[in-house]
C-alpha atoms as a PDB file:
ATOM      1  CA  UNK A   1      53.240 -90.385  76.114  1.00  0.00           C
ATOM      2  CA  UNK A   2      51.882 -88.377  73.187  1.00  0.00           C
ATOM      3  CA  UNK A   3      48.168 -87.866  72.853  1.00  0.00           C
ATOM      4  CA  UNK A   4      46.433 -89.246  69.756  1.00  0.00           C
ATOM      5  CA  UNK A   5      46.450 -86.844  66.850  1.00  0.00           C
ATOM      6  CA  UNK A   6      49.767 -85.136  67.628  1.00  0.00           C
ATOM      7  CA  UNK A   7      52.108 -87.323  65.549  1.00  0.00           C
ATOM      8  CA  UNK A   8      53.025 -85.725  62.213  1.00  0.00           C
ATOM      9  CA  UNK A   9      53.485 -89.153  60.630  1.00  0.00           C
ATOM     10  CA  UNK A  10      49.682 -89.510  60.675  1.00  0.00           C
ATOM     11  CA  UNK A  11      49.558 -86.751  58.032  1.00  0.00           C
ATOM     12  CA  UNK A  12      51.428 -88.816  55.418  1.00  0.00           C
ATOM     13  CA  UNK A  13      48.116 -89.857  53.983  1.00  0.00           C
ATOM     14  CA  UNK A  14      48.087 -92.568  51.292  1.00  0.00           C
ATOM     15  CA  UNK A  15      47.297 -91.817  47.676  1.00  0.00           C
ATOM     16  CA  UNK A  16      48.845 -91.693  44.185  1.00  0.00           C
ATOM     17  CA  UNK A  17      51.812 -89.738  45.547  1.00  0.00           C
ATOM     18  CA  UNK A  18      55.039 -90.399  47.414  1.00  0.00           C
ATOM     19  CA  UNK A  19      56.161 -88.777  50.661  1.00  0.00           C
ATOM     20  CA  UNK A  20      59.679 -87.692  51.555  1.00  0.00           C
ATOM     21  CA  UNK A  21      61.665 -85.068  53.391  1.00  0.00           C
ATOM     22  CA  UNK A  22      63.755 -82.458  51.575  1.00  0.00           C
ATOM     23  CA  UNK A  23      66.421 -80.256  53.175  1.00  0.00           C
ATOM     24  CA  UNK A  24      66.132 -76.610  52.112  1.00  0.00           C
ATOM     25  CA  UNK A  25      67.165 -73.260  53.584  1.00  0.00           C
ATOM     26  CA  UNK A  26      68.474 -74.871  56.762  1.00  0.00           C
ATOM     27  CA  UNK A  27      65.316 -76.856  57.627  1.00  0.00           C
ATOM     28  CA  UNK A  28      63.662 -80.099  56.544  1.00  0.00           C
ATOM     29  CA  UNK A  29      60.431 -79.834  54.568  1.00  0.00           C
ATOM     30  CA  UNK A  30      57.952 -82.680  54.134  1.00  0.00           C
ATOM     31  CA  UNK A  31      56.609 -83.064  50.582  1.00  0.00           C
ATOM     32  CA  UNK A  32      54.151 -85.198  48.643  1.00  0.00           C
ATOM     33  CA  UNK A  33      55.012 -85.735  44.980  1.00  0.00           C
ATOM     34  CA  UNK A  34      53.336 -86.988  41.803  1.00  0.00           C
ATOM     35  CA  UNK A  35      55.779 -87.114  38.908  1.00  0.00           C
ATOM     36  CA  UNK A  36      54.272 -86.745  35.446  1.00  0.00           C
ATOM     37  CA  UNK A  37      57.726 -86.288  33.944  1.00  0.00           C
ATOM     38  CA  UNK A  38      57.533 -82.628  32.915  1.00  0.00           C
ATOM     39  CA  UNK A  39      58.185 -79.172  34.367  1.00  0.00           C
ATOM     40  CA  UNK A  40      58.042 -78.738  38.134  1.00  0.00           C
ATOM     41  CA  UNK A  41      54.924 -77.338  39.809  1.00  0.00           C
ATOM     42  CA  UNK A  42      55.255 -76.437  43.505  1.00  0.00           C
ATOM     43  CA  UNK A  43      52.010 -76.234  45.492  1.00  0.00           C
ATOM     44  CA  UNK A  44      51.962 -74.062  48.632  1.00  0.00           C
ATOM     45  CA  UNK A  45      49.063 -74.434  51.066  1.00  0.00           C
ATOM     46  CA  UNK A  46      47.493 -71.872  53.383  1.00  0.00           C
ATOM     47  CA  UNK A  47      46.036 -71.636  56.892  1.00  0.00           C
ATOM     48  CA  UNK A  48      44.846 -73.831  58.606  1.00  0.00           C
ATOM     49  CA  UNK A  49      45.834 -76.655  56.249  1.00  0.00           C
ATOM     50  CA  UNK A  50      48.818 -78.732  55.113  1.00  0.00           C
ATOM     51  CA  UNK A  51      49.982 -80.431  51.888  1.00  0.00           C
ATOM     52  CA  UNK A  52      46.773 -82.497  51.667  1.00  0.00           C
ATOM     53  CA  UNK A  53      44.761 -79.441  50.593  1.00  0.00           C
ATOM     54  CA  UNK A  54      46.201 -80.183  47.116  1.00  0.00           C
ATOM     55  CA  UNK A  55      44.891 -83.785  47.009  1.00  0.00           C
ATOM     56  CA  UNK A  56      42.844 -83.018  43.887  1.00  0.00           C
ATOM     57  CA  UNK A  57      45.567 -81.102  42.037  1.00  0.00           C
ATOM     58  CA  UNK A  58      48.489 -83.479  42.673  1.00  0.00           C
ATOM     59  CA  UNK A  59      47.285 -86.332  40.431  1.00  0.00           C
ATOM     60  CA  UNK A  60      45.384 -84.071  38.021  1.00  0.00           C
ATOM     61  CA  UNK A  61      48.444 -81.973  37.166  1.00  0.00           C
ATOM     62  CA  UNK A  62      50.643 -85.077  36.978  1.00  0.00           C
ATOM     63  CA  UNK A  63      48.256 -86.499  34.379  1.00  0.00           C
ATOM     64  CA  UNK A  64      48.812 -83.312  32.409  1.00  0.00           C
ATOM     65  CA  UNK A  65      52.539 -84.088  32.333  1.00  0.00           C
ATOM     66  CA  UNK A  66      53.915 -82.047  35.254  1.00  0.00           C
ATOM     67  CA  UNK A  67      56.155 -83.022  38.117  1.00  0.00           C
ATOM     68  CA  UNK A  68      53.997 -81.876  41.029  1.00  0.00           C
ATOM     69  CA  UNK A  69      55.220 -81.309  44.591  1.00  0.00           C
ATOM     70  CA  UNK A  70      53.004 -80.212  47.484  1.00  0.00           C
ATOM     71  CA  UNK A  71      54.963 -79.107  50.545  1.00  0.00           C
ATOM     72  CA  UNK A  72      54.142 -78.624  54.195  1.00  0.00           C
ATOM     73  CA  UNK A  73      55.226 -75.047  54.824  1.00  0.00           C
ATOM     74  CA  UNK A  74      57.651 -74.214  57.629  1.00  0.00           C
ATOM     75  CA  UNK A  75      55.851 -74.881  60.912  1.00  0.00           C
ATOM     76  CA  UNK A  76      53.143 -77.122  59.446  1.00  0.00           C
ATOM     77  CA  UNK A  77      52.570 -80.861  59.157  1.00  0.00           C
ATOM     78  CA  UNK A  78      55.732 -82.931  58.961  1.00  0.00           C
ATOM     79  CA  UNK A  79      58.046 -79.984  58.217  1.00  0.00           C
ATOM     80  CA  UNK A  80      60.382 -78.514  60.813  1.00  0.00           C
ATOM     81  CA  UNK A  81      58.980 -76.018  63.292  1.00  0.00           C
ATOM     82  CA  UNK A  82      61.883 -73.800  64.353  1.00  0.00           C
ATOM     83  CA  UNK A  83      61.285 -70.973  66.840  1.00  0.00           C
ATOM     84  CA  UNK A  84      61.706 -68.251  64.189  1.00  0.00           C
ATOM     85  CA  UNK A  85      61.628 -67.645  60.455  1.00  0.00           C
ATOM     86  CA  UNK A  86      57.905 -67.009  59.906  1.00  0.00           C
ATOM     87  CA  UNK A  87      58.442 -63.842  57.893  1.00  0.00           C
ATOM     88  CA  UNK A  88      57.903 -63.700  54.143  1.00  0.00           C
ATOM     89  CA  UNK A  89      61.610 -63.156  53.494  1.00  0.00           C
ATOM     90  CA  UNK A  90      62.511 -66.481  55.108  1.00  0.00           C
ATOM     91  CA  UNK A  91      59.445 -68.361  53.859  1.00  0.00           C
ATOM     92  CA  UNK A  92      60.297 -67.323  50.295  1.00  0.00           C
ATOM     93  CA  UNK A  93      63.822 -68.581  50.917  1.00  0.00           C
ATOM     94  CA  UNK A  94      62.378 -71.947  51.960  1.00  0.00           C
ATOM     95  CA  UNK A  95      60.581 -72.284  48.616  1.00  0.00           C
ATOM     96  CA  UNK A  96      63.590 -71.089  46.621  1.00  0.00           C
ATOM     97  CA  UNK A  97      65.740 -73.625  48.454  1.00  0.00           C
ATOM     98  CA  UNK A  98      63.157 -76.343  47.825  1.00  0.00           C
ATOM     99  CA  UNK A  99      63.186 -75.753  44.060  1.00  0.00           C
ATOM    100  CA  UNK A 100      66.966 -76.016  44.011  1.00  0.00           C
ATOM    101  CA  UNK A 101      66.965 -79.084  46.274  1.00  0.00           C
ATOM    102  CA  UNK A 102      64.531 -80.809  43.915  1.00  0.00           C
ATOM    103  CA  UNK A 103      67.133 -80.405  41.190  1.00  0.00           C
ATOM    104  CA  UNK A 104      65.109 -78.087  38.989  1.00  0.00           C
ATOM    105  CA  UNK A 105      66.234 -74.724  37.572  1.00  0.00           C
ATOM    106  CA  UNK A 106      62.732 -73.184  37.660  1.00  0.00           C
ATOM    107  CA  UNK A 107      59.189 -74.008  38.733  1.00  0.00           C
ATOM    108  CA  UNK A 108      55.586 -72.999  38.274  1.00  0.00           C
ATOM    109  CA  UNK A 109      54.410 -71.718  41.662  1.00  0.00           C
ATOM    110  CA  UNK A 110      50.836 -72.240  42.837  1.00  0.00           C
ATOM    111  CA  UNK A 111      49.906 -70.916  46.252  1.00  0.00           C
ATOM    112  CA  UNK A 112      46.753 -70.526  48.303  1.00  0.00           C
ATOM    113  CA  UNK A 113      46.247 -68.000  51.125  1.00  0.00           C
ATOM    114  CA  UNK A 114      49.623 -67.731  52.899  1.00  0.00           C
ATOM    115  CA  UNK A 115      51.067 -70.006  50.238  1.00  0.00           C
ATOM    116  CA  UNK A 116      49.935 -67.474  47.650  1.00  0.00           C
ATOM    117  CA  UNK A 117      51.553 -64.593  49.525  1.00  0.00           C
ATOM    118  CA  UNK A 118      54.747 -66.626  49.672  1.00  0.00           C
ATOM    119  CA  UNK A 119      54.514 -67.334  45.934  1.00  0.00           C
ATOM    120  CA  UNK A 120      54.161 -63.606  45.152  1.00  0.00           C
ATOM    121  CA  UNK A 121      57.243 -63.005  47.319  1.00  0.00           C
ATOM    122  CA  UNK A 122      59.351 -65.744  45.705  1.00  0.00           C
ATOM    123  CA  UNK A 123      58.472 -64.300  42.296  1.00  0.00           C
ATOM    124  CA  UNK A 124      59.731 -60.892  43.412  1.00  0.00           C
ATOM    125  CA  UNK A 125      62.827 -61.951  45.354  1.00  0.00           C
ATOM    126  CA  UNK A 126      63.929 -64.986  43.300  1.00  0.00           C
ATOM    127  CA  UNK A 127      62.568 -64.258  39.804  1.00  0.00           C
ATOM    128  CA  UNK A 128      64.992 -66.570  37.979  1.00  0.00           C
ATOM    129  CA  UNK A 129      63.452 -69.583  39.729  1.00  0.00           C
ATOM    130  CA  UNK A 130      59.866 -68.908  38.624  1.00  0.00           C
ATOM    131  CA  UNK A 131      58.186 -69.984  35.366  1.00  0.00           C
ATOM    132  CA  UNK A 132      54.730 -68.718  36.318  1.00  0.00           C
ATOM    133  CA  UNK A 133      52.713 -67.702  39.358  1.00  0.00           C
ATOM    134  CA  UNK A 134      49.159 -68.699  40.269  1.00  0.00           C
ATOM    135  CA  UNK A 135      47.751 -67.134  43.445  1.00  0.00           C
ATOM    136  CA  UNK A 136      44.540 -68.660  44.823  1.00  0.00           C
ATOM    137  CA  UNK A 137      42.638 -66.619  47.381  1.00  0.00           C
ATOM    138  CA  UNK A 138      45.767 -64.501  47.758  1.00  0.00           C
ATOM    139  CA  UNK A 139      45.970 -60.909  46.485  1.00  0.00           C
ATOM    140  CA  UNK A 140      49.388 -59.318  46.132  1.00  0.00           C
ATOM    141  CA  UNK A 141      50.800 -58.483  49.599  1.00  0.00           C
ATOM    142  CA  UNK A 142      50.820 -54.763  48.780  1.00  0.00           C
ATOM    143  CA  UNK A 143      47.209 -54.921  47.561  1.00  0.00           C
ATOM    144  CA  UNK A 144      46.207 -56.366  50.944  1.00  0.00           C
ATOM    145  CA  UNK A 145      48.211 -53.736  52.790  1.00  0.00           C
ATOM    146  CA  UNK A 146      46.643 -50.896  50.784  1.00  0.00           C
ATOM    147  CA  UNK A 147      43.096 -52.255  51.029  1.00  0.00           C
ATOM    148  CA  UNK A 148      43.227 -52.578  54.814  1.00  0.00           C
ATOM    149  CA  UNK A 149      43.900 -48.841  55.017  1.00  0.00           C
ATOM    150  CA  UNK A 150      41.772 -47.570  52.131  1.00  0.00           C
ATOM    151  CA  UNK A 151      38.780 -49.845  52.685  1.00  0.00           C
ATOM    152  CA  UNK A 152      38.444 -50.016  56.493  1.00  0.00           C
ATOM    153  CA  UNK A 153      34.859 -51.274  56.443  1.00  0.00           C
ATOM    154  CA  UNK A 154      35.608 -53.862  53.748  1.00  0.00           C
ATOM    155  CA  UNK A 155      39.054 -55.474  53.677  1.00  0.00           C
ATOM    156  CA  UNK A 156      40.052 -53.750  56.903  1.00  0.00           C
ATOM    157  CA  UNK A 157      37.125 -55.246  58.814  1.00  0.00           C
ATOM    158  CA  UNK A 158      37.543 -58.636  57.130  1.00  0.00           C
ATOM    159  CA  UNK A 159      41.194 -58.792  58.180  1.00  0.00           C
ATOM    160  CA  UNK A 160      40.516 -57.572  61.715  1.00  0.00           C
ATOM    161  CA  UNK A 161      37.954 -60.318  62.327  1.00  0.00           C
ATOM    162  CA  UNK A 162      40.688 -62.936  62.549  1.00  0.00           C
ATOM    163  CA  UNK A 163      44.169 -61.381  62.294  1.00  0.00           C
ATOM    164  CA  UNK A 164      43.694 -58.969  65.207  1.00  0.00           C
ATOM    165  CA  UNK A 165      42.822 -61.726  67.669  1.00  0.00           C
ATOM    166  CA  UNK A 166      45.792 -63.786  66.482  1.00  0.00           C
ATOM    167  CA  UNK A 167      48.141 -61.089  67.827  1.00  0.00           C
ATOM    168  CA  UNK A 168      47.340 -61.979  71.429  1.00  0.00           C
ATOM    169  CA  UNK A 169      49.786 -64.191  73.327  1.00  0.00           C
ATOM    170  CA  UNK A 170      48.877 -67.826  74.114  1.00  0.00           C
ATOM    171  CA  UNK A 171      45.074 -67.505  73.949  1.00  0.00           C
ATOM    172  CA  UNK A 172      44.811 -68.079  70.164  1.00  0.00           C
ATOM    173  CA  UNK A 173      46.954 -71.207  70.467  1.00  0.00           C
ATOM    174  CA  UNK A 174      44.714 -72.605  73.196  1.00  0.00           C
ATOM    175  CA  UNK A 175      41.541 -71.743  71.285  1.00  0.00           C
ATOM    176  CA  UNK A 176      42.691 -73.550  68.134  1.00  0.00           C
ATOM    177  CA  UNK A 177      43.746 -76.704  70.012  1.00  0.00           C
ATOM    178  CA  UNK A 178      40.720 -76.842  72.317  1.00  0.00           C
ATOM    179  CA  UNK A 179      38.117 -79.595  71.835  1.00  0.00           C
ATOM    180  CA  UNK A 180      40.225 -81.466  69.333  1.00  0.00           C
ATOM    181  CA  UNK A 181      40.642 -78.487  67.023  1.00  0.00           C
ATOM    182  CA  UNK A 182      36.925 -77.654  66.832  1.00  0.00           C
ATOM    183  CA  UNK A 183      37.683 -74.008  65.998  1.00  0.00           C
ATOM    184  CA  UNK A 184      39.415 -75.135  62.808  1.00  0.00           C
ATOM    185  CA  UNK A 185      36.113 -76.587  61.646  1.00  0.00           C
ATOM    186  CA  UNK A 186      34.309 -73.335  62.456  1.00  0.00           C
ATOM    187  CA  UNK A 187      36.925 -71.361  60.495  1.00  0.00           C
ATOM    188  CA  UNK A 188      36.697 -73.653  57.473  1.00  0.00           C
ATOM    189  CA  UNK A 189      32.904 -73.541  57.516  1.00  0.00           C
ATOM    190  CA  UNK A 190      32.673 -69.753  57.847  1.00  0.00           C
ATOM    191  CA  UNK A 191      35.311 -69.083  55.169  1.00  0.00           C
ATOM    192  CA  UNK A 192      33.867 -71.481  52.571  1.00  0.00           C
ATOM    193  CA  UNK A 193      31.084 -71.183  50.019  1.00  0.00           C
ATOM    194  CA  UNK A 194      27.827 -73.028  50.746  1.00  0.00           C
ATOM    195  CA  UNK A 195      28.304 -75.851  48.265  1.00  0.00           C
ATOM    196  CA  UNK A 196      31.411 -77.452  49.726  1.00  0.00           C
ATOM    197  CA  UNK A 197      30.389 -77.428  53.392  1.00  0.00           C
ATOM    198  CA  UNK A 198      27.530 -79.859  52.749  1.00  0.00           C
ATOM    199  CA  UNK A 199      29.758 -82.436  51.031  1.00  0.00           C
ATOM    200  CA  UNK A 200      31.518 -85.581  52.213  1.00  0.00           C
ATOM    201  CA  UNK A 201      34.772 -84.069  50.920  1.00  0.00           C
ATOM    202  CA  UNK A 202      34.377 -81.202  53.407  1.00  0.00           C
ATOM    203  CA  UNK A 203      33.772 -83.604  56.289  1.00  0.00           C
ATOM    204  CA  UNK A 204      36.925 -85.528  55.417  1.00  0.00           C
ATOM    205  CA  UNK A 205      38.919 -82.300  55.078  1.00  0.00           C
ATOM    206  CA  UNK A 206      37.742 -81.091  58.486  1.00  0.00           C
ATOM    207  CA  UNK A 207      38.860 -84.330  60.145  1.00  0.00           C
ATOM    208  CA  UNK A 208      42.361 -84.075  58.656  1.00  0.00           C
ATOM    209  CA  UNK A 209      42.791 -80.362  59.356  1.00  0.00           C
ATOM    210  CA  UNK A 210      41.635 -80.733  62.952  1.00  0.00           C
ATOM    211  CA  UNK A 211      44.223 -83.478  63.381  1.00  0.00           C
ATOM    212  CA  UNK A 212      46.930 -81.417  61.669  1.00  0.00           C
ATOM    213  CA  UNK A 213      46.518 -78.350  63.880  1.00  0.00           C
ATOM    214  CA  UNK A 214      47.179 -80.550  66.937  1.00  0.00           C
ATOM    215  CA  UNK A 215      50.620 -81.667  65.756  1.00  0.00           C
ATOM    216  CA  UNK A 216      53.032 -80.356  68.361  1.00  0.00           C
ATOM    217  CA  UNK A 217      54.277 -76.863  67.517  1.00  0.00           C
ATOM    218  CA  UNK A 218      51.981 -76.306  64.538  1.00  0.00           C
ATOM    219  CA  UNK A 219      49.462 -73.911  66.018  1.00  0.00           C
ATOM    220  CA  UNK A 220      52.093 -71.526  67.400  1.00  0.00           C
ATOM    221  CA  UNK A 221      54.041 -71.595  64.133  1.00  0.00           C
ATOM    222  CA  UNK A 222      50.909 -70.922  62.071  1.00  0.00           C
ATOM    223  CA  UNK A 223      50.014 -67.905  64.190  1.00  0.00           C
ATOM    224  CA  UNK A 224      53.521 -66.493  63.917  1.00  0.00           C
ATOM    225  CA  UNK A 225      52.844 -65.868  60.206  1.00  0.00           C
ATOM    226  CA  UNK A 226      50.033 -63.471  61.169  1.00  0.00           C
ATOM    227  CA  UNK A 227      52.003 -61.887  63.979  1.00  0.00           C
ATOM    228  CA  UNK A 228      54.901 -61.057  61.681  1.00  0.00           C
ATOM    229  CA  UNK A 229      52.509 -59.645  59.049  1.00  0.00           C
ATOM    230  CA  UNK A 230      50.974 -57.168  61.490  1.00  0.00           C
ATOM    231  CA  UNK A 231      54.035 -56.244  63.520  1.00  0.00           C
ATOM    232  CA  UNK A 232      56.273 -55.731  60.489  1.00  0.00           C
ATOM    233  CA  UNK A 233      54.018 -52.867  59.366  1.00  0.00           C
ATOM    234  CA  UNK A 234      55.359 -50.807  62.269  1.00  0.00           C
ATOM    235  CA  UNK A 235      59.005 -51.637  61.677  1.00  0.00           C
ATOM    236  CA  UNK A 236      61.649 -50.714  59.112  1.00  0.00           C
ATOM    237  CA  UNK A 237      61.532 -54.351  57.982  1.00  0.00           C
ATOM    238  CA  UNK A 238      57.994 -53.844  56.715  1.00  0.00           C
ATOM    239  CA  UNK A 239      59.000 -50.875  54.570  1.00  0.00           C
ATOM    240  CA  UNK A 240      61.958 -52.822  53.183  1.00  0.00           C
ATOM    241  CA  UNK A 241      59.703 -55.732  52.341  1.00  0.00           C
ATOM    242  CA  UNK A 242      57.185 -53.480  50.565  1.00  0.00           C
ATOM    243  CA  UNK A 243      59.930 -52.022  48.409  1.00  0.00           C
ATOM    244  CA  UNK A 244      61.318 -55.471  47.614  1.00  0.00           C
ATOM    245  CA  UNK A 245      58.026 -56.919  46.336  1.00  0.00           C
ATOM    246  CA  UNK A 246      56.781 -53.817  44.485  1.00  0.00           C
ATOM    247  CA  UNK A 247      58.389 -54.629  41.121  1.00  0.00           C
ATOM    248  CA  UNK A 248      55.849 -56.382  38.830  1.00  0.00           C
ATOM    249  CA  UNK A 249      56.882 -59.849  37.650  1.00  0.00           C
ATOM    250  CA  UNK A 250      57.749 -60.599  34.040  1.00  0.00           C
ATOM    251  CA  UNK A 251      56.306 -64.140  34.116  1.00  0.00           C
ATOM    252  CA  UNK A 252      52.632 -65.033  33.552  1.00  0.00           C
ATOM    253  CA  UNK A 253      50.480 -64.376  36.621  1.00  0.00           C
ATOM    254  CA  UNK A 254      47.071 -65.872  37.282  1.00  0.00           C
ATOM    255  CA  UNK A 255      44.773 -65.184  40.182  1.00  0.00           C
ATOM    256  CA  UNK A 256      41.922 -67.499  41.089  1.00  0.00           C
ATOM    257  CA  UNK A 257      39.556 -66.037  43.640  1.00  0.00           C
ATOM    258  CA  UNK A 258      36.223 -66.946  45.180  1.00  0.00           C
ATOM    259  CA  UNK A 259      33.511 -64.345  44.700  1.00  0.00           C
ATOM    260  CA  UNK A 260      32.276 -65.095  48.246  1.00  0.00           C
ATOM    261  CA  UNK A 261      35.694 -65.050  49.939  1.00  0.00           C
ATOM    262  CA  UNK A 262      35.082 -63.319  53.305  1.00  0.00           C
ATOM    263  CA  UNK A 263      38.760 -63.052  54.291  1.00  0.00           C
ATOM    264  CA  UNK A 264      40.527 -61.605  51.282  1.00  0.00           C
ATOM    265  CA  UNK A 265      37.923 -59.845  49.204  1.00  0.00           C
ATOM    266  CA  UNK A 266      37.555 -60.173  45.452  1.00  0.00           C
ATOM    267  CA  UNK A 267      37.947 -56.392  45.200  1.00  0.00           C
ATOM    268  CA  UNK A 268      41.348 -56.679  46.898  1.00  0.00           C
ATOM    269  CA  UNK A 269      42.339 -59.418  44.466  1.00  0.00           C
ATOM    270  CA  UNK A 270      41.362 -57.164  41.550  1.00  0.00           C
ATOM    271  CA  UNK A 271      43.529 -54.373  42.975  1.00  0.00           C
ATOM    272  CA  UNK A 272      46.571 -56.645  42.574  1.00  0.00           C
ATOM    273  CA  UNK A 273      46.722 -55.723  38.881  1.00  0.00           C
ATOM    274  CA  UNK A 274      48.978 -52.798  39.798  1.00  0.00           C
ATOM    275  CA  UNK A 275      51.735 -55.231  40.860  1.00  0.00           C
ATOM    276  CA  UNK A 276      50.910 -58.242  38.666  1.00  0.00           C
ATOM    277  CA  UNK A 277      52.842 -57.505  35.483  1.00  0.00           C
ATOM    278  CA  UNK A 278      51.858 -57.510  31.796  1.00  0.00           C
ATOM    279  CA  UNK A 279      50.678 -61.157  31.614  1.00  0.00           C
ATOM    280  CA  UNK A 280      48.022 -61.035  34.321  1.00  0.00           C
ATOM    281  CA  UNK A 281      44.646 -62.764  34.392  1.00  0.00           C
ATOM    282  CA  UNK A 282      42.107 -62.720  37.217  1.00  0.00           C
ATOM    283  CA  UNK A 283      39.456 -65.444  37.416  1.00  0.00           C
ATOM    284  CA  UNK A 284      36.677 -64.927  39.974  1.00  0.00           C
ATOM    285  CA  UNK A 285      34.646 -68.083  40.610  1.00  0.00           C
ATOM    286  CA  UNK A 286      30.986 -67.501  41.534  1.00  0.00           C
ATOM    287  CA  UNK A 287      29.501 -69.168  44.610  1.00  0.00           C
ATOM    288  CA  UNK A 288      32.992 -69.916  45.913  1.00  0.00           C
ATOM    289  CA  UNK A 289      34.628 -68.942  49.201  1.00  0.00           C
ATOM    290  CA  UNK A 290      38.234 -68.840  50.350  1.00  0.00           C
ATOM    291  CA  UNK A 291      39.211 -72.361  49.182  1.00  0.00           C
ATOM    292  CA  UNK A 292      38.600 -72.573  45.395  1.00  0.00           C
ATOM    293  CA  UNK A 293      41.027 -75.476  44.912  1.00  0.00           C
ATOM    294  CA  UNK A 294      38.981 -77.572  47.337  1.00  0.00           C
ATOM    295  CA  UNK A 295      35.503 -76.143  46.769  1.00  0.00           C
ATOM    296  CA  UNK A 296      35.704 -76.313  42.960  1.00  0.00           C
ATOM    297  CA  UNK A 297      38.741 -78.502  42.248  1.00  0.00           C
ATOM    298  CA  UNK A 298      38.145 -79.246  38.557  1.00  0.00           C
ATOM    299  CA  UNK A 299      37.442 -75.635  37.596  1.00  0.00           C
ATOM    300  CA  UNK A 300      40.419 -74.415  39.614  1.00  0.00           C
ATOM    301  CA  UNK A 301      42.857 -77.041  38.352  1.00  0.00           C
ATOM    302  CA  UNK A 302      42.057 -76.078  34.763  1.00  0.00           C
ATOM    303  CA  UNK A 303      43.304 -72.553  35.522  1.00  0.00           C
ATOM    304  CA  UNK A 304      46.478 -73.323  37.410  1.00  0.00           C
ATOM    305  CA  UNK A 305      49.310 -73.469  34.883  1.00  0.00           C
ATOM    306  CA  UNK A 306      49.501 -71.318  31.707  1.00  0.00           C
END
C-alpha cells in the first residue's frame, strides 16, 4: 500500500486550468493549461518544484491572450520518470516534442532554474520552434560554467554548497525524503528573499513541494539533473554540449533575476550577455531571491513575454 503523499494524482491541483497528459519525445508529460486563444507560452519549472510553481502566471498570461502550458519536467510530478534522459540534450528534446505535440509551430519559452537552462538549450538546438526566451533565475549554461571556474569564491562556492553534495549516491535522496520532505522547506527558505518566506503563499507552496518530492521516483530523477551537469564537464559530451549552445539566439531574450539569489548569482546572470544575442534585456529585482515568479509574481509576469 502506498504511503500518503506519494501519489502523483494529488498534484493535479484545482484552479482555472485543465490537466492532461501529452506524449512527447518518447515519454508522457503532465501539463496544466490555460487557453487565452493566442500564441503558445510554455512554462518550465525548476528544482525542487513542479508545474504549480506557475500558478500565478498561468491565468495572468491567459488573460493577456496567450495559450499557456505549464509542464512537469521529465522525472517530476505526474510526468514519466524513466531511468535515463536527464541531460540537457534530452530535456530540450522533451520540450521541442511538447511544442509539436501541442500542435503549435513555435512557442514563447519561459523557464526557471533548471527550466531556464532547458529553455536556453531548446533555443540553441531547436531555434525554429522558439518565438522568445525568458530565463528566470537561470543564467546561460556557459555563463554558469565559466563563473564556477573564474569566480571560485562567488559562483563556485554558491554552486558547491548544494550541487557537490548531490553527486553522492543514495544519501541525497534519503535526505530529501526524510521527515516528509522537510529539507525541501529548508532549501526553499534559504534560497528565497525575506519577503516571501513570511507569507501564507510560501506556507502553501512548501506544503505542495514537500508532497511533490515524495512522489515515487521524483527525488532520484531530480538529482540526476545535477549529476549529469557535473559529470558531463569531464566527458567529451560536455565539450560537445558547450559548442552546441554557444551560438547566440536571434529571438528576443529576457532574463529576470533576483538580486539576492544565493544559488545563481546576479553577476553570473549579467555575464550571460555574451551568449544572449542582440535582443537581450536583463531585469534584476531587488529584495528577491531565487524564485522571482513566486516571490514577486506581478512584477515578474509583466516581464515574461516581449
